[in-house]
N, C-alpha and C. Protein backbone atom coordinates (compact mmCIF):
# COMPACT_ATOMS: atom_id res chain seq x y z
N MET A 1 3.27 17.68 -8.24
CA MET A 1 2.28 17.16 -7.85
C MET A 1 2.86 17.61 -6.03
N ASP A 2 1.36 17.78 -4.90
CA ASP A 2 1.61 17.64 -3.19
C ASP A 2 1.46 15.88 -3.56
N ARG A 3 1.81 15.72 -1.88
CA ARG A 3 1.82 14.05 -1.65
C ARG A 3 1.48 14.10 -0.46
N ILE A 4 0.63 13.19 -0.33
CA ILE A 4 -0.29 12.79 1.20
C ILE A 4 0.73 11.31 1.09
N LEU A 5 1.38 10.96 2.50
CA LEU A 5 2.46 9.92 3.13
C LEU A 5 1.57 8.92 4.18
N LEU A 6 1.55 8.02 3.66
CA LEU A 6 1.24 6.84 4.75
C LEU A 6 2.57 6.31 4.88
N GLN A 7 2.82 6.06 6.47
CA GLN A 7 3.97 5.54 6.29
C GLN A 7 3.76 4.08 7.62
N GLY A 8 4.43 3.34 7.63
CA GLY A 8 4.56 2.44 8.45
C GLY A 8 3.44 1.61 8.80
N MET A 9 2.42 1.40 7.60
CA MET A 9 1.30 0.56 7.78
C MET A 9 1.54 -1.13 8.20
N VAL A 10 1.01 -1.90 9.32
CA VAL A 10 1.44 -3.06 9.02
C VAL A 10 0.24 -3.82 9.10
N PHE A 11 -0.04 -4.92 8.08
CA PHE A 11 -0.94 -5.84 8.26
C PHE A 11 -0.90 -7.24 8.50
N LYS A 12 -1.84 -8.27 8.31
CA LYS A 12 -1.13 -9.82 8.53
C LYS A 12 -1.85 -10.41 7.09
N GLY A 13 -1.14 -11.25 6.00
CA GLY A 13 -1.71 -11.94 5.35
C GLY A 13 -0.67 -13.72 4.78
N ARG A 14 -1.17 -14.16 4.56
CA ARG A 14 -0.80 -15.23 3.74
C ARG A 14 -0.55 -14.98 2.33
N HIS A 15 0.91 -14.45 2.63
CA HIS A 15 1.31 -14.66 1.33
C HIS A 15 3.38 -15.07 0.88
N GLY A 16 3.10 -15.78 -0.29
CA GLY A 16 4.64 -15.68 -0.50
C GLY A 16 5.10 -17.04 -1.13
N VAL A 17 5.78 -17.56 -1.72
CA VAL A 17 6.08 -18.41 -2.38
C VAL A 17 5.87 -19.93 -2.51
N SER A 18 6.51 -20.42 -1.28
CA SER A 18 6.35 -21.04 -0.35
C SER A 18 5.39 -21.70 0.65
N ALA A 19 4.58 -22.96 0.57
CA ALA A 19 3.87 -22.97 1.45
C ALA A 19 3.71 -22.53 2.86
N ARG A 20 5.07 -23.24 3.64
CA ARG A 20 5.59 -22.48 4.82
C ARG A 20 5.25 -20.80 5.08
N GLU A 21 5.44 -20.10 4.46
CA GLU A 21 4.90 -18.83 4.13
C GLU A 21 3.40 -18.33 4.19
N ARG A 22 2.78 -19.36 3.25
CA ARG A 22 0.91 -18.87 3.36
C ARG A 22 0.67 -19.74 4.19
N ALA A 23 1.25 -20.42 5.30
CA ALA A 23 0.57 -21.37 6.09
C ALA A 23 0.27 -20.55 7.32
N ARG A 24 0.81 -19.63 7.86
CA ARG A 24 0.27 -18.95 9.10
C ARG A 24 0.66 -17.36 8.45
N PRO A 25 -0.14 -16.54 9.35
CA PRO A 25 -0.30 -15.25 8.67
C PRO A 25 0.98 -14.22 9.19
N GLN A 26 1.41 -14.03 8.56
CA GLN A 26 3.18 -13.14 8.25
C GLN A 26 2.71 -11.68 8.49
N GLU A 27 3.19 -11.02 8.82
CA GLU A 27 3.09 -9.40 9.15
C GLU A 27 4.14 -8.63 7.48
N PHE A 28 2.89 -7.82 7.24
CA PHE A 28 3.71 -7.01 5.89
C PHE A 28 3.53 -5.63 5.84
N SER A 29 5.07 -5.04 6.05
CA SER A 29 4.03 -3.48 6.33
C SER A 29 3.96 -2.92 4.83
N VAL A 30 3.22 -1.72 4.39
CA VAL A 30 3.24 -1.06 3.50
C VAL A 30 3.55 0.71 4.04
N ASP A 31 3.55 1.52 2.36
CA ASP A 31 3.82 2.77 2.51
C ASP A 31 3.32 3.16 1.76
N ILE A 32 2.50 4.35 1.83
CA ILE A 32 2.01 4.60 0.15
C ILE A 32 2.41 6.15 0.18
N GLU A 33 2.59 6.40 -1.35
CA GLU A 33 2.58 7.90 -1.36
C GLU A 33 1.65 8.40 -2.63
N LEU A 34 0.37 9.05 -2.00
CA LEU A 34 -0.34 9.58 -2.92
C LEU A 34 -0.46 11.06 -3.46
N GLU A 35 -0.23 11.11 -5.28
CA GLU A 35 0.07 12.26 -5.47
C GLU A 35 -1.34 12.65 -5.87
N THR A 36 -1.39 14.08 -5.18
CA THR A 36 -2.34 14.84 -5.51
C THR A 36 -2.42 16.63 -5.07
N ASP A 37 -3.34 17.35 -5.63
CA ASP A 37 -3.06 18.42 -5.68
C ASP A 37 -4.05 18.71 -4.10
N LEU A 38 -2.84 19.77 -2.96
CA LEU A 38 -3.18 19.93 -1.66
C LEU A 38 -3.33 21.65 -1.55
N ALA A 39 -3.78 21.89 -2.55
CA ALA A 39 -4.16 23.31 -2.63
C ALA A 39 -5.46 24.29 -1.99
N ARG A 40 -6.63 23.45 -2.87
CA ARG A 40 -7.90 23.67 -1.94
C ARG A 40 -7.72 23.13 -0.65
N PRO A 41 -7.75 21.98 -0.53
CA PRO A 41 -8.09 21.44 1.36
C PRO A 41 -6.83 22.51 2.02
N ALA A 42 -5.95 22.64 1.33
CA ALA A 42 -4.87 23.91 2.46
C ALA A 42 -5.61 24.47 2.85
N ILE A 43 -6.92 25.27 2.11
CA ILE A 43 -7.33 26.78 2.81
C ILE A 43 -8.74 26.59 3.31
N SER A 44 -9.26 25.00 2.87
CA SER A 44 -10.98 25.25 3.17
C SER A 44 -10.89 24.43 4.34
N ASP A 45 -9.61 23.81 4.69
CA ASP A 45 -9.48 22.65 5.94
C ASP A 45 -11.24 22.18 6.14
N ASP A 46 -11.42 21.35 4.47
CA ASP A 46 -12.62 20.62 4.63
C ASP A 46 -12.29 19.19 3.61
N ILE A 47 -12.48 17.78 4.36
CA ILE A 47 -12.12 16.23 4.22
C ILE A 47 -12.44 16.11 2.33
N GLU A 48 -13.62 16.89 2.37
CA GLU A 48 -14.41 16.93 0.97
C GLU A 48 -13.50 16.87 0.05
N ASP A 49 -12.79 17.84 0.20
CA ASP A 49 -11.87 18.88 -0.88
C ASP A 49 -10.57 18.10 -0.58
N THR A 50 -10.34 17.12 -0.04
CA THR A 50 -9.25 16.48 -0.37
C THR A 50 -9.11 14.61 -0.01
N VAL A 51 -7.97 13.64 -0.84
CA VAL A 51 -7.91 12.68 -0.47
C VAL A 51 -8.15 12.11 0.85
N ASP A 52 -9.31 11.40 1.08
CA ASP A 52 -9.41 10.60 2.47
C ASP A 52 -8.29 9.69 2.93
N TYR A 53 -7.50 9.38 3.20
CA TYR A 53 -6.86 8.83 3.44
C TYR A 53 -6.98 7.00 4.07
N ARG A 54 -8.18 7.68 4.97
CA ARG A 54 -8.72 6.48 5.50
C ARG A 54 -8.86 5.46 4.80
N VAL A 55 -9.48 5.65 3.65
CA VAL A 55 -9.77 5.11 2.80
C VAL A 55 -8.38 4.40 1.84
N VAL A 56 -7.59 4.63 1.88
CA VAL A 56 -6.01 4.17 1.32
C VAL A 56 -6.12 3.35 1.72
N ARG A 57 -6.13 3.42 3.05
CA ARG A 57 -5.45 2.71 4.73
C ARG A 57 -6.14 1.56 4.44
N SER A 58 -7.37 1.83 4.73
CA SER A 58 -8.44 0.49 4.44
C SER A 58 -8.38 -0.58 2.83
N ILE A 59 -8.14 -0.07 1.86
CA ILE A 59 -7.81 -0.43 0.60
C ILE A 59 -6.09 -1.72 0.96
N ALA A 60 -5.38 -0.77 1.59
CA ALA A 60 -4.16 -1.44 1.83
C ALA A 60 -4.34 -2.78 3.13
N LYS A 61 -5.23 -2.85 3.92
CA LYS A 61 -5.22 -3.82 5.09
C LYS A 61 -6.36 -4.84 3.88
N GLU A 62 -7.69 -4.15 3.16
CA GLU A 62 -7.97 -5.59 2.73
C GLU A 62 -7.13 -6.42 1.62
N VAL A 63 -6.19 -5.63 0.68
CA VAL A 63 -5.60 -6.46 0.08
C VAL A 63 -4.91 -7.02 0.42
N VAL A 64 -4.02 -6.76 1.86
CA VAL A 64 -3.03 -7.84 2.48
C VAL A 64 -4.15 -8.96 2.99
N ALA A 65 -4.86 -8.48 3.99
CA ALA A 65 -5.40 -9.83 4.36
C ALA A 65 -6.09 -10.54 3.23
N GLY A 66 -6.51 -9.93 2.36
CA GLY A 66 -7.52 -10.72 1.48
C GLY A 66 -6.41 -11.79 0.72
N GLU A 67 -6.68 -12.18 -0.55
CA GLU A 67 -6.52 -13.28 -1.63
C GLU A 67 -4.90 -13.79 -1.65
N PRO A 68 -4.83 -14.22 -1.26
CA PRO A 68 -2.59 -14.71 -1.34
C PRO A 68 -2.72 -14.26 -2.70
N ALA A 69 -1.63 -14.44 -2.30
CA ALA A 69 -0.29 -14.09 -3.87
C ALA A 69 0.82 -14.44 -3.17
N HIS A 70 1.62 -15.51 -4.48
CA HIS A 70 2.87 -15.48 -4.22
C HIS A 70 3.91 -14.65 -3.87
N LEU A 71 3.70 -13.15 -4.71
CA LEU A 71 4.88 -12.07 -4.96
C LEU A 71 4.32 -10.95 -4.39
N ILE A 72 4.50 -10.21 -3.19
CA ILE A 72 4.83 -8.86 -2.72
C ILE A 72 4.43 -7.48 -4.22
N GLU A 73 4.79 -8.31 -5.06
CA GLU A 73 4.91 -7.33 -6.33
C GLU A 73 3.48 -7.44 -6.65
N VAL A 74 2.47 -8.51 -6.71
CA VAL A 74 1.19 -8.45 -7.13
C VAL A 74 0.37 -7.67 -5.60
N LEU A 75 1.03 -7.99 -4.51
CA LEU A 75 0.30 -6.88 -3.14
C LEU A 75 0.26 -5.66 -3.37
N ALA A 76 1.36 -5.11 -4.24
CA ALA A 76 1.65 -3.33 -4.59
C ALA A 76 0.84 -3.36 -5.58
N GLU A 77 0.83 -3.93 -7.06
CA GLU A 77 0.22 -4.01 -7.81
C GLU A 77 -1.27 -3.43 -6.92
N ARG A 78 -1.57 -4.75 -6.69
CA ARG A 78 -3.17 -4.58 -6.19
C ARG A 78 -4.01 -3.26 -5.82
N ILE A 79 -2.57 -3.02 -4.65
CA ILE A 79 -3.05 -1.73 -4.07
C ILE A 79 -2.96 -0.13 -4.72
N ALA A 80 -2.09 -0.28 -5.78
CA ALA A 80 -1.67 0.64 -6.60
C ALA A 80 -2.96 0.98 -7.57
N ARG A 81 -3.34 -0.03 -7.70
CA ARG A 81 -4.49 0.06 -8.76
C ARG A 81 -5.90 0.19 -7.84
N ARG A 82 -6.23 -0.42 -6.68
CA ARG A 82 -7.44 0.68 -6.01
C ARG A 82 -7.16 2.25 -6.00
N ALA A 83 -5.91 2.62 -5.24
CA ALA A 83 -5.98 3.45 -4.64
C ALA A 83 -6.08 4.61 -6.02
N LEU A 84 -5.97 4.51 -7.14
CA LEU A 84 -5.93 5.12 -7.94
C LEU A 84 -7.58 5.19 -8.74
N GLU A 85 -8.26 4.55 -8.09
CA GLU A 85 -9.61 5.19 -8.15
C GLU A 85 -9.85 5.96 -7.18
N VAL A 86 -9.38 5.95 -5.95
CA VAL A 86 -9.69 6.95 -5.30
C VAL A 86 -9.84 8.49 -5.77
N ARG A 87 -10.92 9.10 -5.81
CA ARG A 87 -11.10 10.35 -6.34
C ARG A 87 -9.44 11.73 -5.86
N GLY A 88 -9.43 12.07 -6.62
CA GLY A 88 -8.09 13.04 -6.35
C GLY A 88 -6.65 12.39 -6.42
N VAL A 89 -6.59 10.87 -6.77
CA VAL A 89 -5.57 10.83 -6.79
C VAL A 89 -4.64 10.76 -7.99
N ALA A 90 -3.99 11.40 -8.53
CA ALA A 90 -3.16 11.42 -9.69
C ALA A 90 -2.84 10.13 -10.16
N ALA A 91 -1.52 10.00 -8.61
CA ALA A 91 -1.02 8.92 -9.06
C ALA A 91 -0.25 7.97 -7.61
N VAL A 92 0.67 6.99 -7.52
CA VAL A 92 0.63 6.71 -6.55
C VAL A 92 2.13 5.51 -6.33
N THR A 93 2.53 5.79 -5.22
CA THR A 93 3.99 5.29 -4.71
C THR A 93 3.60 4.14 -3.53
N VAL A 94 4.05 2.77 -4.18
CA VAL A 94 3.31 1.90 -2.86
C VAL A 94 4.72 1.12 -2.92
N ARG A 95 4.56 0.70 -1.51
CA ARG A 95 6.48 -0.01 -0.99
C ARG A 95 5.63 -0.99 -0.39
N VAL A 96 6.18 -2.49 -0.27
CA VAL A 96 5.25 -3.92 -0.30
C VAL A 96 6.39 -4.33 0.91
N ALA A 97 6.41 -4.74 1.66
CA ALA A 97 8.35 -5.26 2.45
C ALA A 97 7.37 -6.34 3.24
N LYS A 98 8.52 -7.52 3.64
CA LYS A 98 7.96 -8.32 4.98
C LYS A 98 9.36 -8.99 4.79
N ARG A 99 9.23 -10.01 6.08
CA ARG A 99 10.55 -10.49 6.45
C ARG A 99 10.65 -11.96 6.12
N PRO A 100 11.26 -12.56 5.05
CA PRO A 100 10.68 -13.45 4.69
C PRO A 100 11.50 -15.00 5.79
N PRO A 101 10.69 -15.89 6.38
CA PRO A 101 11.48 -16.53 7.37
C PRO A 101 12.30 -17.49 7.03
N GLY A 102 12.69 -17.53 6.00
CA GLY A 102 13.76 -18.73 5.61
C GLY A 102 14.69 -17.60 4.89
N MET A 103 14.98 -16.20 5.28
CA MET A 103 16.01 -15.18 4.72
C MET A 103 16.56 -14.54 5.99
N ARG A 104 15.97 -15.13 7.22
CA ARG A 104 16.76 -13.95 8.43
C ARG A 104 18.24 -14.61 8.69
N PRO A 105 19.03 -13.23 8.61
CA PRO A 105 18.55 -11.95 9.05
C PRO A 105 18.44 -11.35 8.08
N ILE A 106 17.40 -10.46 8.11
CA ILE A 106 17.27 -9.75 6.54
C ILE A 106 16.28 -8.80 7.81
N ASP A 107 16.57 -7.47 7.20
CA ASP A 107 15.36 -6.36 7.87
C ASP A 107 14.16 -6.24 6.80
N ALA A 108 13.96 -6.44 5.55
CA ALA A 108 13.03 -6.48 4.94
C ALA A 108 13.47 -6.93 3.52
N ALA A 109 12.45 -7.82 3.03
CA ALA A 109 12.70 -7.83 1.76
C ALA A 109 11.06 -6.98 0.98
N ALA A 110 11.53 -5.92 -0.01
CA ALA A 110 10.23 -4.53 -0.34
C ALA A 110 10.53 -4.69 -1.74
N VAL A 111 9.58 -4.37 -2.68
CA VAL A 111 9.46 -3.33 -3.30
C VAL A 111 8.17 -2.37 -3.95
N GLU A 112 8.96 -1.59 -4.43
CA GLU A 112 8.37 -0.43 -4.76
C GLU A 112 7.78 -0.41 -6.09
N ILE A 113 6.16 0.24 -6.00
CA ILE A 113 5.62 0.84 -7.60
C ILE A 113 5.62 2.08 -7.62
N ARG A 114 5.15 2.11 -8.62
CA ARG A 114 4.71 3.71 -9.17
C ARG A 114 3.45 3.87 -10.53
N ARG A 115 2.35 3.95 -10.03
CA ARG A 115 1.25 4.39 -11.27
C ARG A 115 1.10 5.50 -10.98
N ALA A 116 0.41 5.17 -12.24
CA ALA A 116 -0.48 6.69 -12.49
C ALA A 116 -1.50 6.83 -13.29
N ARG A 117 -2.61 7.82 -13.32
CA ARG A 117 -3.68 7.85 -14.05
C ARG A 117 -3.27 7.51 -15.22
N ARG A 118 -3.83 6.99 -16.48
CA ARG A 118 -3.51 7.43 -18.22
C ARG A 118 -4.81 8.64 -18.16
């Protein structure tokens, strides 16, 4: 399988275990790796033959800006589940990271999950 990578997307959301974390929007970094067959679009140069990664970016933004969750694991799962519904996506790896205010100094607390079509 070939891959499309969406790296370094940053969105604001109200997620975290503590009320303090959910009180104000904080930044969440999202990286997504889409597994798909890119042979046809590599020849045709036609967006209709590939995964429109603008759609996947919109999914990530909607999830992070949307319904609050306690765990970043939930955000990653929500993004992965929806990304698998996009035509042409065979599998997806999602990384979600944040800088928890109570844990600084820390570069990030992050999770990575991989989901595939069944």
